[in-house]
Amino acid sequence: MTLANYRKLIRTNQSNEPEVVSASYLSRLPRIVVYAICALAFGLGSAVAQEEPHRFQKDIDAFEADRLENDIPEGAVLCVGSSSMRMWGKRMERDLAPLTVIPRGFGGSKFSDVLHFFDELVARYKPRAILIYEGDNDLGGGMTPKEVLNDFMEFRKKVEELNPEIRIYVIGVKPSIVRWNLKDQFAEANRMMKEVCEADEQLVFIDVAEFLLDDSGEPREGIFLDDGLHLNNVGYHLWAAAVGLKIVPAESKFEAK
């Protein structure tokens, strides 16, 4: 389905109304106050992140338990990233069919966290390809686009050292209402990562922004949860379209027959 068709879907398909999940007290606050609270919370979370590098150990332990208890195949597409990746997990397999995917999103993470847990989170799965979404919390926590690029390049280096044949699909930092004040930093980080991807045959940049912005270049209405940051059901239709159009045709030929 084309981008134009997905935009039409938002206007006409009533079966895909946003699935809004919010605490009752938040629902009584003005939306701008909710956004401000969320922005403050994510900012404080980033400060804590720097002090507690092992704060995601429980998530990593849960991933490892799942790997040991279930038949997680090698040579699959490993899907790593922050909460936008984690919240997509329940429908990811359907959205990216027929690809064999391993959802490994952990909310609040940054590129540095993926680097910190690289052996447990990436190397152990021996993937043929990696789909990664990071940079959102990095920039939201005060990092510069250049710092995000440096962490991305370090991730690229570690993957190449693990196996130079692994393909990496990089989802660009998505626009959102609560972080719209950082739109220029988001755009610059995406520009730099895209430039690197275009010069490396093992990298593919996926621009989700063009699917999530309206014709005036603003975040599209009706695609976010009440926090103004995370996508709702309609938003994930668009996200999945942007990602699927790039990764499914490219990776389908590598699926076991």
Protein backbone atom coordinates (compact mmCIF):
# COMPACT_ATOMS: atom_id res chain seq x y z
CA MET A 1 0.00 0.00 0.00
CA THR A 2 1.31 3.45 -0.88
CA LEU A 3 1.79 6.39 1.46
CA ALA A 4 -1.19 8.13 -0.13
CA ASN A 5 -3.40 5.11 0.54
CA TYR A 6 -2.34 4.99 4.18
CA ARG A 7 -3.14 8.66 4.58
CA LYS A 8 -6.58 7.96 3.14
CA LEU A 9 -6.93 5.10 5.62
CA ILE A 10 -6.71 7.52 8.54
CA ARG A 11 -9.54 9.62 7.20
CA THR A 12 -11.89 6.85 6.15
CA ASN A 13 -11.31 3.60 8.05
CA GLN A 14 -13.41 3.79 11.19
CA SER A 15 -12.38 0.28 12.26
CA ASN A 16 -8.93 1.59 13.14
CA GLU A 17 -9.88 4.19 15.68
CA PRO A 18 -7.06 5.10 18.07
CA GLU A 19 -6.71 2.76 21.02
CA VAL A 20 -6.13 5.36 23.74
CA VAL A 21 -4.67 4.08 26.99
CA SER A 22 -4.28 6.65 29.78
CA ALA A 23 -4.62 6.93 33.53
CA SER A 24 -7.91 8.41 34.63
CA TYR A 25 -6.33 11.40 36.31
CA LEU A 26 -4.38 12.25 33.17
CA SER A 27 -7.58 12.25 31.18
CA ARG A 28 -8.86 15.12 33.33
CA LEU A 29 -5.82 17.31 32.75
CA PRO A 30 -5.41 19.74 29.84
CA ARG A 31 -3.45 18.00 27.12
CA ILE A 32 -0.64 20.52 27.17
CA VAL A 33 -0.12 19.78 30.89
CA VAL A 34 0.04 16.07 30.16
CA TYR A 35 2.70 16.70 27.50
CA ALA A 36 4.72 18.83 29.90
CA ILE A 37 4.58 16.13 32.59
CA CYS A 38 5.69 13.49 30.10
CA ALA A 39 8.54 15.63 28.84
CA LEU A 40 9.77 16.20 32.40
CA ALA A 41 9.46 12.51 33.21
CA PHE A 42 11.46 11.41 30.19
CA GLY A 43 14.09 14.03 30.91
CA LEU A 44 14.48 12.82 34.49
CA GLY A 45 14.60 9.26 33.22
CA SER A 46 17.60 10.13 31.07
CA ALA A 47 19.44 11.56 34.08
CA VAL A 48 18.79 8.36 36.03
CA ALA A 49 19.96 6.37 33.01
CA GLN A 50 23.43 7.87 33.22
CA GLU A 51 23.69 6.88 36.90
CA GLU A 52 22.33 3.35 36.54
CA PRO A 53 23.80 1.60 33.50
CA HIS A 54 22.29 -1.71 34.64
CA ARG A 55 18.75 -0.38 35.02
CA PHE A 56 17.54 -2.64 32.20
CA GLN A 57 19.02 -5.84 33.63
CA LYS A 58 15.56 -7.25 34.43
CA ASP A 59 14.49 -6.72 30.81
CA ILE A 60 17.61 -8.44 29.54
CA ASP A 61 17.12 -11.31 31.99
CA ALA A 62 13.53 -11.72 30.77
CA PHE A 63 14.73 -11.82 27.17
CA GLU A 64 17.26 -14.49 28.06
CA ALA A 65 14.65 -16.57 29.89
CA ASP A 66 12.43 -16.36 26.83
CA ARG A 67 15.32 -17.41 24.59
CA LEU A 68 16.07 -20.45 26.73
CA GLU A 69 12.46 -21.52 27.21
CA ASN A 70 11.33 -21.10 23.63
CA ASP A 71 12.59 -22.14 20.26
CA ILE A 72 14.15 -18.83 19.20
CA PRO A 73 15.79 -19.49 15.82
CA GLU A 74 19.15 -18.23 14.70
CA GLY A 75 19.30 -16.29 11.45
CA ALA A 76 16.13 -14.31 12.13
CA VAL A 77 15.49 -10.55 12.04
CA LEU A 78 16.29 -9.14 15.46
CA CYS A 79 14.12 -6.12 16.34
CA VAL A 80 15.79 -3.96 18.98
CA GLY A 81 14.89 -0.56 20.34
CA SER A 82 13.11 1.63 22.83
CA SER A 83 9.44 1.77 23.80
CA SER A 84 8.23 2.38 20.24
CA MET A 85 9.74 -0.98 19.34
CA ARG A 86 8.52 -2.64 22.54
CA MET A 87 4.92 -1.46 22.10
CA TRP A 88 4.92 -2.71 18.51
CA GLY A 89 5.93 -6.18 19.66
CA LYS A 90 2.46 -7.72 19.91
CA ARG A 91 1.63 -7.06 16.25
CA MET A 92 5.12 -7.04 14.77
CA GLU A 93 5.03 -10.62 13.52
CA ARG A 94 1.81 -9.96 11.62
CA ASP A 95 2.93 -6.61 10.26
CA LEU A 96 6.24 -7.98 8.95
CA ALA A 97 5.01 -11.38 7.72
CA PRO A 98 6.45 -13.59 6.34
CA LEU A 99 9.65 -12.57 8.13
CA THR A 100 10.82 -14.44 11.21
CA VAL A 101 11.24 -11.67 13.78
CA ILE A 102 12.48 -11.54 17.36
CA PRO A 103 10.97 -8.62 19.32
CA ARG A 104 13.47 -7.20 21.77
CA GLY A 105 12.29 -3.70 22.56
CA PHE A 106 12.83 -2.26 26.05
CA GLY A 107 11.25 1.05 26.96
CA GLY A 108 13.39 4.06 27.77
CA SER A 109 16.50 2.68 26.11
CA LYS A 110 19.09 4.52 24.08
CA PHE A 111 21.83 3.47 21.67
CA SER A 112 24.22 3.35 24.63
CA ASP A 113 22.03 0.73 26.32
CA VAL A 114 22.06 -1.49 23.26
CA LEU A 115 25.85 -1.14 23.24
CA HIS A 116 26.07 -1.95 26.95
CA PHE A 117 24.05 -5.16 26.53
CA PHE A 118 25.31 -5.97 23.04
CA ASP A 119 26.43 -9.52 23.79
CA GLU A 120 23.18 -10.55 25.51
CA LEU A 121 20.87 -8.50 23.30
CA VAL A 122 22.41 -8.96 19.86
CA ALA A 123 25.34 -11.37 19.57
CA ARG A 124 23.63 -14.23 21.36
CA TYR A 125 20.84 -14.41 18.76
CA LYS A 126 23.12 -14.67 15.71
CA PRO A 127 20.68 -12.68 13.54
CA ARG A 128 20.91 -12.35 9.77
CA ALA A 129 19.51 -8.81 10.03
CA ILE A 130 18.77 -6.22 12.71
CA LEU A 131 15.93 -3.71 12.77
CA ILE A 132 16.78 -0.99 15.27
CA TYR A 133 14.97 2.03 16.66
CA GLU A 134 16.95 4.28 18.98
CA GLY A 135 17.72 8.00 19.16
CA ASP A 136 14.36 9.17 20.46
CA ASN A 137 15.27 9.01 24.14
CA ASP A 138 18.87 9.97 23.34
CA LEU A 139 17.84 13.33 21.88
CA GLY A 140 15.00 13.71 24.37
CA GLY A 141 17.55 13.35 27.16
CA GLY A 142 19.74 16.17 25.87
CA MET A 143 22.19 14.45 23.55
CA THR A 144 23.21 16.21 20.34
CA PRO A 145 22.59 14.71 16.87
CA LYS A 146 26.36 14.22 16.52
CA GLU A 147 26.48 12.27 19.78
CA VAL A 148 23.62 10.09 18.57
CA LEU A 149 25.47 9.50 15.30
CA ASN A 150 28.62 8.53 17.19
CA ASP A 151 26.72 5.92 19.22
CA PHE A 152 25.06 4.65 16.06
CA MET A 153 28.46 4.31 14.40
CA GLU A 154 29.76 2.40 17.42
CA PHE A 155 26.79 0.06 17.11
CA ARG A 156 27.54 -0.38 13.41
CA LYS A 157 31.15 -1.21 14.27
CA LYS A 158 30.20 -3.84 16.84
CA VAL A 159 27.77 -5.51 14.43
CA GLU A 160 30.42 -5.60 11.72
CA GLU A 161 32.88 -7.18 14.15
CA LEU A 162 30.25 -9.77 15.07
CA ASN A 163 29.42 -10.63 11.46
CA PRO A 164 30.04 -8.32 8.50
CA GLU A 165 27.19 -9.98 6.57
CA ILE A 166 24.48 -8.80 8.98
CA ARG A 167 22.18 -6.22 7.42
CA ILE A 168 21.01 -3.33 9.59
CA TYR A 169 17.72 -1.52 9.02
CA VAL A 170 17.71 1.79 10.89
CA ILE A 171 14.35 3.36 11.70
CA GLY A 172 14.75 7.13 11.76
CA VAL A 173 13.71 9.01 14.88
CA LYS A 174 9.97 9.50 14.69
CA PRO A 175 8.30 12.90 15.15
CA SER A 176 6.00 13.30 18.15
CA ILE A 177 3.94 16.03 19.78
CA VAL A 178 5.67 16.03 23.15
CA ARG A 179 9.13 16.32 21.54
CA TRP A 180 8.19 18.56 18.64
CA ASN A 181 10.39 21.27 20.16
CA LEU A 182 13.31 19.00 19.17
CA LYS A 183 12.20 18.61 15.57
CA ASP A 184 15.35 20.25 14.20
CA GLN A 185 17.60 17.96 16.23
CA PHE A 186 15.56 14.95 15.16
CA ALA A 187 15.80 15.98 11.51
CA GLU A 188 19.56 16.52 11.77
CA ALA A 189 20.15 13.16 13.45
CA ASN A 190 18.06 11.46 10.79
CA ARG A 191 19.90 13.27 8.02
CA MET A 192 23.27 12.15 9.33
CA MET A 193 22.22 8.53 9.89
CA LYS A 194 20.62 8.41 6.45
CA GLU A 195 23.81 9.74 4.87
CA VAL A 196 25.83 7.00 6.55
CA CYS A 197 23.34 4.34 5.46
CA GLU A 198 23.43 5.46 1.85
CA ALA A 199 27.21 4.98 1.81
CA ASP A 200 27.11 1.47 3.33
CA GLU A 201 25.54 -1.43 1.45
CA GLN A 202 24.80 -3.27 4.71
CA LEU A 203 22.68 -0.39 6.04
CA VAL A 204 19.16 0.71 5.11
CA PHE A 205 17.58 3.87 6.50
CA ILE A 206 13.80 3.82 7.04
CA ASP A 207 12.13 7.22 7.19
CA VAL A 208 8.94 6.91 9.24
CA ALA A 209 8.53 10.68 9.51
CA GLU A 210 7.02 11.06 6.05
CA PHE A 211 4.23 8.68 7.12
CA LEU A 212 3.63 10.34 10.49
CA LEU A 213 3.55 13.99 9.40
CA ASP A 214 0.60 15.69 7.73
CA ASP A 215 0.71 17.74 4.54
CA SER A 216 1.79 20.83 6.50
CA GLY A 217 4.76 19.00 8.02
CA GLU A 218 3.26 18.75 11.52
CA PRO A 219 2.69 15.57 13.56
CA ARG A 220 -0.50 13.99 12.27
CA GLU A 221 -3.54 14.20 14.53
CA GLY A 222 -5.13 11.02 15.83
CA ILE A 223 -2.05 8.78 15.73
CA PHE A 224 -0.64 9.26 19.24
CA LEU A 225 -1.64 8.13 22.70
CA ASP A 226 -2.54 10.78 25.26
CA ASP A 227 1.11 11.13 26.27
CA GLY A 228 1.83 12.74 22.89
CA LEU A 229 4.87 10.52 22.45
CA HIS A 230 3.83 6.95 21.74
CA LEU A 231 1.82 5.79 18.75
CA ASN A 232 -1.69 4.42 19.01
CA ASN A 233 -3.21 1.71 16.81
CA VAL A 234 -3.63 4.00 13.79
CA GLY A 235 -0.11 5.32 14.25
CA TYR A 236 1.28 1.80 14.18
CA HIS A 237 -0.53 1.12 10.90
CA LEU A 238 1.55 3.93 9.40
CA TRP A 239 4.74 2.93 11.21
CA ALA A 240 4.34 -0.66 10.01
CA ALA A 241 3.72 0.51 6.46
CA ALA A 242 6.91 2.58 6.42
CA VAL A 243 9.02 -0.20 7.87
CA GLY A 244 7.40 -3.04 5.96
CA LEU A 245 7.81 -1.40 2.59
CA LYS A 246 11.59 -1.42 3.10
CA ILE A 247 12.38 -4.54 5.07
CA VAL A 248 9.86 -7.15 3.91
CA PRO A 249 10.80 -7.22 0.20
CA ALA A 250 14.50 -7.12 1.06
CA GLU A 251 14.45 -9.87 3.69
CA SER A 252 11.78 -12.24 2.38
CA LYS A 253 14.23 -13.94 0.03
CA PHE A 254 16.34 -14.97 3.03
CA GLU A 255 13.50 -16.76 4.82
CA ALA A 256 13.84 -20.53 5.13
CA LYS A 257 11.64 -22.33 2.62
